[in-house]
Amino acid sequence: MYKNRYLILLLIAVFWVVIPETANAQCAMCRAALESEADNSRAEGINNGIVYLMAIPYILVGGLFYFIYRKMRSNTA
């Protein structure tokens, strides 16, 4: 039982250390690609994509909470 806990903690620690390095490498590649161009059209496209990727989960979770709230209100009334 204790071996499983230590294995899980070890895997979490490894992922916690390794994953940010991969994410930083991706950001550096994007930055280099965007800084090398004279026009800003690609940078604007990347920024719009980031906004869409950030907004969609919030909209979905907000809609889910709205329907849960509405369902809970209709059950108590």
PDB file of N, CA and C in Angstrom:
ATOM      1  N   MET A   1       0.820  -1.196   0.000  1.00  0.00           N
ATOM      2  CA  MET A   1       0.000   0.000   0.000  1.00  0.00           C
ATOM      3  C   MET A   1       0.861   1.256   0.000  1.00  0.00           C
ATOM      4  N   TYR A   2       1.908   1.245   0.823  1.00  0.00           N
ATOM      5  CA  TYR A   2       2.777   2.416   0.870  1.00  0.00           C
ATOM      6  C   TYR A   2       3.602   2.560  -0.401  1.00  0.00           C
ATOM      7  N   LYS A   3       3.901   1.439  -1.056  1.00  0.00           N
ATOM      8  CA  LYS A   3       4.655   1.508  -2.308  1.00  0.00           C
ATOM      9  C   LYS A   3       3.849   2.236  -3.375  1.00  0.00           C
ATOM     10  N   ASN A   4       2.550   2.004  -3.419  1.00  0.00           N
ATOM     11  CA  ASN A   4       1.706   2.687  -4.400  1.00  0.00           C
ATOM     12  C   ASN A   4       1.662   4.182  -4.147  1.00  0.00           C
ATOM     13  N   ARG A   5       1.605   4.579  -2.890  1.00  0.00           N
ATOM     14  CA  ARG A   5       1.595   6.012  -2.570  1.00  0.00           C
ATOM     15  C   ARG A   5       2.884   6.677  -3.004  1.00  0.00           C
ATOM     16  N   TYR A   6       4.012   6.015  -2.707  1.00  0.00           N
ATOM     17  CA  TYR A   6       5.296   6.602  -3.088  1.00  0.00           C
ATOM     18  C   TYR A   6       5.456   6.650  -4.599  1.00  0.00           C
ATOM     19  N   LEU A   7       4.955   5.636  -5.290  1.00  0.00           N
ATOM     20  CA  LEU A   7       5.030   5.638  -6.744  1.00  0.00           C
ATOM     21  C   LEU A   7       4.187   6.760  -7.326  1.00  0.00           C
ATOM     22  N   ILE A   8       2.992   6.962  -6.810  1.00  0.00           N
ATOM     23  CA  ILE A   8       2.124   8.036  -7.292  1.00  0.00           C
ATOM     24  C   ILE A   8       2.748   9.392  -6.997  1.00  0.00           C
ATOM     25  N   LEU A   9       3.283   9.575  -5.797  1.00  0.00           N
ATOM     26  CA  LEU A   9       3.937  10.846  -5.466  1.00  0.00           C
ATOM     27  C   LEU A   9       5.160  11.092  -6.346  1.00  0.00           C
ATOM     28  N   LEU A  10       5.906  10.046  -6.635  1.00  0.00           N
ATOM     29  CA  LEU A  10       7.069  10.185  -7.512  1.00  0.00           C
ATOM     30  C   LEU A  10       6.645  10.583  -8.917  1.00  0.00           C
ATOM     31  N   LEU A  11       5.596   9.954  -9.441  1.00  0.00           N
ATOM     32  CA  LEU A  11       5.112  10.306 -10.775  1.00  0.00           C
ATOM     33  C   LEU A  11       4.593  11.735 -10.829  1.00  0.00           C
ATOM     34  N   ILE A  12       3.881  12.154  -9.805  1.00  0.00           N
ATOM     35  CA  ILE A  12       3.393  13.534  -9.758  1.00  0.00           C
ATOM     36  C   ILE A  12       4.566  14.508  -9.714  1.00  0.00           C
ATOM     37  N   ALA A  13       5.591  14.192  -8.920  1.00  0.00           N
ATOM     38  CA  ALA A  13       6.758  15.070  -8.830  1.00  0.00           C
ATOM     39  C   ALA A  13       7.486  15.152 -10.171  1.00  0.00           C
ATOM     40  N   VAL A  14       7.614  14.031 -10.853  1.00  0.00           N
ATOM     41  CA  VAL A  14       8.299  14.035 -12.153  1.00  0.00           C
ATOM     42  C   VAL A  14       7.518  14.866 -13.165  1.00  0.00           C
ATOM     43  N   PHE A  15       6.198  14.664 -13.228  1.00  0.00           N
ATOM     44  CA  PHE A  15       5.394  15.459 -14.150  1.00  0.00           C
ATOM     45  C   PHE A  15       5.420  16.931 -13.791  1.00  0.00           C
ATOM     46  N   TRP A  16       5.436  17.239 -12.523  1.00  0.00           N
ATOM     47  CA  TRP A  16       5.457  18.623 -12.070  1.00  0.00           C
ATOM     48  C   TRP A  16       6.752  19.313 -12.495  1.00  0.00           C
ATOM     49  N   VAL A  17       7.837  18.553 -12.558  1.00  0.00           N
ATOM     50  CA  VAL A  17       9.123  19.119 -12.941  1.00  0.00           C
ATOM     51  C   VAL A  17       9.270  19.169 -14.463  1.00  0.00           C
ATOM     52  N   VAL A  18       8.787  18.164 -15.172  1.00  0.00           N
ATOM     53  CA  VAL A  18       9.033  18.044 -16.610  1.00  0.00           C
ATOM     54  C   VAL A  18       8.075  18.883 -17.446  1.00  0.00           C
ATOM     55  N   ILE A  19       6.824  18.927 -17.099  1.00  0.00           N
ATOM     56  CA  ILE A  19       5.813  19.592 -17.932  1.00  0.00           C
ATOM     57  C   ILE A  19       6.099  21.081 -18.124  1.00  0.00           C
ATOM     58  N   PRO A  20       6.472  21.859 -17.105  1.00  0.00           N
ATOM     59  CA  PRO A  20       6.753  23.284 -17.369  1.00  0.00           C
ATOM     60  C   PRO A  20       7.886  23.514 -18.358  1.00  0.00           C
ATOM     61  N   GLU A  21       8.866  22.618 -18.400  1.00  0.00           N
ATOM     62  CA  GLU A  21       9.958  22.779 -19.364  1.00  0.00           C
ATOM     63  C   GLU A  21       9.437  22.647 -20.790  1.00  0.00           C
ATOM     64  N   THR A  22       8.539  21.738 -21.011  1.00  0.00           N
ATOM     65  CA  THR A  22       7.951  21.571 -22.338  1.00  0.00           C
ATOM     66  C   THR A  22       7.131  22.803 -22.707  1.00  0.00           C
ATOM     67  N   ALA A  23       6.368  23.322 -21.765  1.00  0.00           N
ATOM     68  CA  ALA A  23       5.541  24.497 -22.030  1.00  0.00           C
ATOM     69  C   ALA A  23       6.408  25.717 -22.320  1.00  0.00           C
ATOM     70  N   ASN A  24       7.488  25.895 -21.590  1.00  0.00           N
ATOM     71  CA  ASN A  24       8.374  27.027 -21.852  1.00  0.00           C
ATOM     72  C   ASN A  24       9.026  26.921 -23.217  1.00  0.00           C
ATOM     73  N   ALA A  25       9.366  25.718 -23.644  1.00  0.00           N
ATOM     74  CA  ALA A  25       9.971  25.545 -24.960  1.00  0.00           C
ATOM     75  C   ALA A  25       8.979  25.953 -26.045  1.00  0.00           C
ATOM     76  N   GLN A  26       7.736  25.599 -25.879  1.00  0.00           N
ATOM     77  CA  GLN A  26       6.737  25.973 -26.866  1.00  0.00           C
ATOM     78  C   GLN A  26       6.576  27.489 -26.925  1.00  0.00           C
ATOM     79  N   CYS A  27       6.545  28.144 -25.777  1.00  0.00           N
ATOM     80  CA  CYS A  27       6.404  29.597 -25.766  1.00  0.00           C
ATOM     81  C   CYS A  27       7.594  30.274 -26.431  1.00  0.00           C
ATOM     82  N   ALA A  28       8.772  29.746 -26.227  1.00  0.00           N
ATOM     83  CA  ALA A  28       9.955  30.335 -26.855  1.00  0.00           C
ATOM     84  C   ALA A  28       9.890  30.191 -28.373  1.00  0.00           C
ATOM     85  N   MET A  29       9.393  29.078 -28.849  1.00  0.00           N
ATOM     86  CA  MET A  29       9.280  28.882 -30.297  1.00  0.00           C
ATOM     87  C   MET A  29       8.250  29.833 -30.886  1.00  0.00           C
ATOM     88  N   CYS A  30       7.137  29.996 -30.196  1.00  0.00           N
ATOM     89  CA  CYS A  30       6.109  30.916 -30.691  1.00  0.00           C
ATOM     90  C   CYS A  30       6.643  32.344 -30.707  1.00  0.00           C
ATOM     91  N   ARG A  31       7.332  32.735 -29.640  1.00  0.00           N
ATOM     92  CA  ARG A  31       7.868  34.084 -29.565  1.00  0.00           C
ATOM     93  C   ARG A  31       8.868  34.330 -30.684  1.00  0.00           C
ATOM     94  N   ALA A  32       9.745  33.380 -30.936  1.00  0.00           N
ATOM     95  CA  ALA A  32      10.741  33.547 -32.006  1.00  0.00           C
ATOM     96  C   ALA A  32      10.065  33.658 -33.366  1.00  0.00           C
ATOM     97  N   ALA A  33       9.019  32.874 -33.595  1.00  0.00           N
ATOM     98  CA  ALA A  33       8.320  32.936 -34.880  1.00  0.00           C
ATOM     99  C   ALA A  33       7.607  34.265 -35.050  1.00  0.00           C
ATOM    100  N   LEU A  34       7.058  34.793 -33.966  1.00  0.00           N
ATOM    101  CA  LEU A  34       6.313  36.046 -34.072  1.00  0.00           C
ATOM    102  C   LEU A  34       7.221  37.259 -34.147  1.00  0.00           C
ATOM    103  N   GLU A  35       8.366  37.217 -33.486  1.00  0.00           N
ATOM    104  CA  GLU A  35       9.276  38.372 -33.498  1.00  0.00           C
ATOM    105  C   GLU A  35      10.053  38.482 -34.796  1.00  0.00           C
ATOM    106  N   SER A  36      10.128  37.400 -35.566  1.00  0.00           N
ATOM    107  CA  SER A  36      10.930  37.436 -36.785  1.00  0.00           C
ATOM    108  C   SER A  36      10.203  38.082 -37.958  1.00  0.00           C
ATOM    109  N   GLU A  37       8.909  38.312 -37.834  1.00  0.00           N
ATOM    110  CA  GLU A  37       8.151  38.882 -38.942  1.00  0.00           C
ATOM    111  C   GLU A  37       7.953  40.377 -38.768  1.00  0.00           C
ATOM    112  N   ALA A  38       7.832  41.069 -39.907  1.00  0.00           N
ATOM    113  CA  ALA A  38       7.653  42.517 -39.871  1.00  0.00           C
ATOM    114  C   ALA A  38       6.198  42.900 -39.628  1.00  0.00           C
ATOM    115  N   ASP A  39       5.263  42.160 -40.224  1.00  0.00           N
ATOM    116  CA  ASP A  39       3.847  42.494 -40.024  1.00  0.00           C
ATOM    117  C   ASP A  39       3.320  41.798 -38.768  1.00  0.00           C
ATOM    118  N   ASN A  40       2.239  42.336 -38.244  1.00  0.00           N
ATOM    119  CA  ASN A  40       1.696  41.828 -36.991  1.00  0.00           C
ATOM    120  C   ASN A  40       0.480  40.924 -37.188  1.00  0.00           C
ATOM    121  N   SER A  41       0.204  40.517 -38.420  1.00  0.00           N
ATOM    122  CA  SER A  41      -1.008  39.723 -38.661  1.00  0.00           C
ATOM    123  C   SER A  41      -0.936  38.362 -37.981  1.00  0.00           C
ATOM    124  N   ARG A  42       0.223  37.719 -38.009  1.00  0.00           N
ATOM    125  CA  ARG A  42       0.338  36.413 -37.360  1.00  0.00           C
ATOM    126  C   ARG A  42       0.269  36.561 -35.841  1.00  0.00           C
ATOM    127  N   ALA A  43       0.872  37.611 -35.300  1.00  0.00           N
ATOM    128  CA  ALA A  43       0.812  37.833 -33.854  1.00  0.00           C
ATOM    129  C   ALA A  43      -0.619  38.078 -33.398  1.00  0.00           C
ATOM    130  N   GLU A  44      -1.372  38.819 -34.171  1.00  0.00           N
ATOM    131  CA  GLU A  44      -2.786  39.048 -33.830  1.00  0.00           C
ATOM    132  C   GLU A  44      -3.582  37.753 -33.899  1.00  0.00           C
ATOM    133  N   GLY A  45      -3.282  36.912 -34.878  1.00  0.00           N
ATOM    134  CA  GLY A  45      -3.949  35.621 -34.985  1.00  0.00           C
ATOM    135  C   GLY A  45      -3.637  34.723 -33.795  1.00  0.00           C
ATOM    136  N   ILE A  46      -2.381  34.705 -33.377  1.00  0.00           N
ATOM    137  CA  ILE A  46      -1.995  33.907 -32.206  1.00  0.00           C
ATOM    138  C   ILE A  46      -2.699  34.435 -30.964  1.00  0.00           C
ATOM    139  N   ASN A  47      -2.741  35.751 -30.794  1.00  0.00           N
ATOM    140  CA  ASN A  47      -3.408  36.330 -29.629  1.00  0.00           C
ATOM    141  C   ASN A  47      -4.904  36.025 -29.626  1.00  0.00           C
ATOM    142  N   ASN A  48      -5.543  36.094 -30.781  1.00  0.00           N
ATOM    143  CA  ASN A  48      -6.966  35.743 -30.859  1.00  0.00           C
ATOM    144  C   ASN A  48      -7.192  34.277 -30.528  1.00  0.00           C
ATOM    145  N   GLY A  49      -6.312  33.415 -31.004  1.00  0.00           N
ATOM    146  CA  GLY A  49      -6.418  31.996 -30.687  1.00  0.00           C
ATOM    147  C   GLY A  49      -6.291  31.734 -29.202  1.00  0.00           C
ATOM    148  N   ILE A  50      -5.383  32.440 -28.545  1.00  0.00           N
ATOM    149  CA  ILE A  50      -5.216  32.291 -27.094  1.00  0.00           C
ATOM    150  C   ILE A  50      -6.481  32.738 -26.369  1.00  0.00           C
ATOM    151  N   VAL A  51      -7.070  33.828 -26.808  1.00  0.00           N
ATOM    152  CA  VAL A  51      -8.296  34.319 -26.167  1.00  0.00           C
ATOM    153  C   VAL A  51      -9.423  33.302 -26.348  1.00  0.00           C
ATOM    154  N   TYR A  52      -9.569  32.736 -27.553  1.00  0.00           N
ATOM    155  CA  TYR A  52     -10.614  31.734 -27.778  1.00  0.00           C
ATOM    156  C   TYR A  52     -10.375  30.502 -26.926  1.00  0.00           C
ATOM    157  N   LEU A  53      -9.136  30.034 -26.877  1.00  0.00           N
ATOM    158  CA  LEU A  53      -8.830  28.854 -26.069  1.00  0.00           C
ATOM    159  C   LEU A  53      -9.068  29.108 -24.585  1.00  0.00           C
ATOM    160  N   MET A  54      -8.866  30.335 -24.147  1.00  0.00           N
ATOM    161  CA  MET A  54      -9.080  30.672 -22.743  1.00  0.00           C
ATOM    162  C   MET A  54     -10.568  30.845 -22.441  1.00  0.00           C
ATOM    163  N   ALA A  55     -11.337  31.396 -23.361  1.00  0.00           N
ATOM    164  CA  ALA A  55     -12.730  31.740 -23.087  1.00  0.00           C
ATOM    165  C   ALA A  55     -13.670  30.544 -23.153  1.00  0.00           C
ATOM    166  N   ILE A  56     -13.440  29.617 -24.047  1.00  0.00           N
ATOM    167  CA  ILE A  56     -14.374  28.510 -24.250  1.00  0.00           C
ATOM    168  C   ILE A  56     -14.588  27.678 -22.985  1.00  0.00           C
ATOM    169  N   PRO A  57     -13.553  27.270 -22.238  1.00  0.00           N
ATOM    170  CA  PRO A  57     -13.828  26.505 -21.013  1.00  0.00           C
ATOM    171  C   PRO A  57     -14.637  27.292 -19.991  1.00  0.00           C
ATOM    172  N   TYR A  58     -14.390  28.588 -19.873  1.00  0.00           N
ATOM    173  CA  TYR A  58     -15.158  29.401 -18.931  1.00  0.00           C
ATOM    174  C   TYR A  58     -16.625  29.474 -19.352  1.00  0.00           C
ATOM    175  N   ILE A  59     -16.881  29.592 -20.624  1.00  0.00           N
ATOM    176  CA  ILE A  59     -18.262  29.639 -21.110  1.00  0.00           C
ATOM    177  C   ILE A  59     -18.960  28.307 -20.849  1.00  0.00           C
ATOM    178  N   LEU A  60     -18.276  27.209 -21.129  1.00  0.00           N
ATOM    179  CA  LEU A  60     -18.872  25.896 -20.910  1.00  0.00           C
ATOM    180  C   LEU A  60     -19.161  25.645 -19.429  1.00  0.00           C
ATOM    181  N   VAL A  61     -18.215  25.960 -18.566  1.00  0.00           N
ATOM    182  CA  VAL A  61     -18.415  25.751 -17.133  1.00  0.00           C
ATOM    183  C   VAL A  61     -19.495  26.687 -16.605  1.00  0.00           C
ATOM    184  N   GLY A  62     -19.514  27.924 -17.080  1.00  0.00           N
ATOM    185  CA  GLY A  62     -20.563  28.860 -16.673  1.00  0.00           C
ATOM    186  C   GLY A  62     -21.939  28.379 -17.081  1.00  0.00           C
ATOM    187  N   GLY A  63     -22.059  27.860 -18.301  1.00  0.00           N
ATOM    188  CA  GLY A  63     -23.333  27.304 -18.751  1.00  0.00           C
ATOM    189  C   GLY A  63     -23.749  26.095 -17.934  1.00  0.00           C
ATOM    190  N   LEU A  64     -22.795  25.256 -17.596  1.00  0.00           N
ATOM    191  CA  LEU A  64     -23.088  24.087 -16.764  1.00  0.00           C
ATOM    192  C   LEU A  64     -23.602  24.515 -15.390  1.00  0.00           C
ATOM    193  N   PHE A  65     -22.928  25.478 -14.766  1.00  0.00           N
ATOM    194  CA  PHE A  65     -23.378  25.964 -13.454  1.00  0.00           C
ATOM    195  C   PHE A  65     -24.748  26.637 -13.542  1.00  0.00           C
ATOM    196  N   TYR A  66     -25.020  27.321 -14.651  1.00  0.00           N
ATOM    197  CA  TYR A  66     -26.327  27.946 -14.828  1.00  0.00           C
ATOM    198  C   TYR A  66     -27.430  26.900 -14.863  1.00  0.00           C
ATOM    199  N   PHE A  67     -27.204  25.825 -15.645  1.00  0.00           N
ATOM    200  CA  PHE A  67     -28.220  24.778 -15.729  1.00  0.00           C
ATOM    201  C   PHE A  67     -28.379  24.035 -14.407  1.00  0.00           C
ATOM    202  N   ILE A  68     -27.290  23.827 -13.695  1.00  0.00           N
ATOM    203  CA  ILE A  68     -27.387  23.193 -12.375  1.00  0.00           C
ATOM    204  C   ILE A  68     -28.156  24.097 -11.418  1.00  0.00           C
ATOM    205  N   TYR A  69     -27.858  25.384 -11.433  1.00  0.00           N
ATOM    206  CA  TYR A  69     -28.557  26.338 -10.573  1.00  0.00           C
ATOM    207  C   TYR A  69     -30.047  26.357 -10.893  1.00  0.00           C
ATOM    208  N   ARG A  70     -30.359  26.390 -12.190  1.00  0.00           N
ATOM    209  CA  ARG A  70     -31.757  26.415 -12.597  1.00  0.00           C
ATOM    210  C   ARG A  70     -32.483  25.132 -12.194  1.00  0.00           C
ATOM    211  N   LYS A  71     -31.804  24.004 -12.323  1.00  0.00           N
ATOM    212  CA  LYS A  71     -32.404  22.730 -11.936  1.00  0.00           C
ATOM    213  C   LYS A  71     -32.625  22.676 -10.416  1.00  0.00           C
ATOM    214  N   MET A  72     -31.683  23.175  -9.635  1.00  0.00           N
ATOM    215  CA  MET A  72     -31.813  23.166  -8.172  1.00  0.00           C
ATOM    216  C   MET A  72     -32.927  24.100  -7.743  1.00  0.00           C
ATOM    217  N   ARG A  73     -33.066  25.235  -8.399  1.00  0.00           N
ATOM    218  CA  ARG A  73     -34.145  26.184  -8.052  1.00  0.00           C
ATOM    219  C   ARG A  73     -35.517  25.602  -8.360  1.00  0.00           C
ATOM    220  N   SER A  74     -35.640  24.861  -9.457  1.00  0.00           N
ATOM    221  CA  SER A  74     -36.937  24.306  -9.823  1.00  0.00           C
ATOM    222  C   SER A  74     -37.331  23.143  -8.902  1.00  0.00           C
ATOM    223  N   ASN A  75     -36.343  22.448  -8.315  1.00  0.00           N
ATOM    224  CA  ASN A  75     -36.649  21.350  -7.402  1.00  0.00           C
ATOM    225  C   ASN A  75     -37.081  21.836  -6.028  1.00  0.00           C
ATOM    226  N   THR A  76     -36.597  22.996  -5.596  1.00  0.00           N
ATOM    227  CA  THR A  76     -36.917  23.500  -4.260  1.00  0.00           C
ATOM    228  C   THR A  76     -38.225  24.273  -4.237  1.00  0.00           C
ATOM    229  N   ALA A  77     -38.695  24.745  -5.378  1.00  0.00           N
ATOM    230  CA  ALA A  77     -39.897  25.563  -5.412  1.00  0.00           C
ATOM    231  C   ALA A  77     -41.167  24.770  -5.387  1.00  0.00           C
TER     232      ALA A  77
END
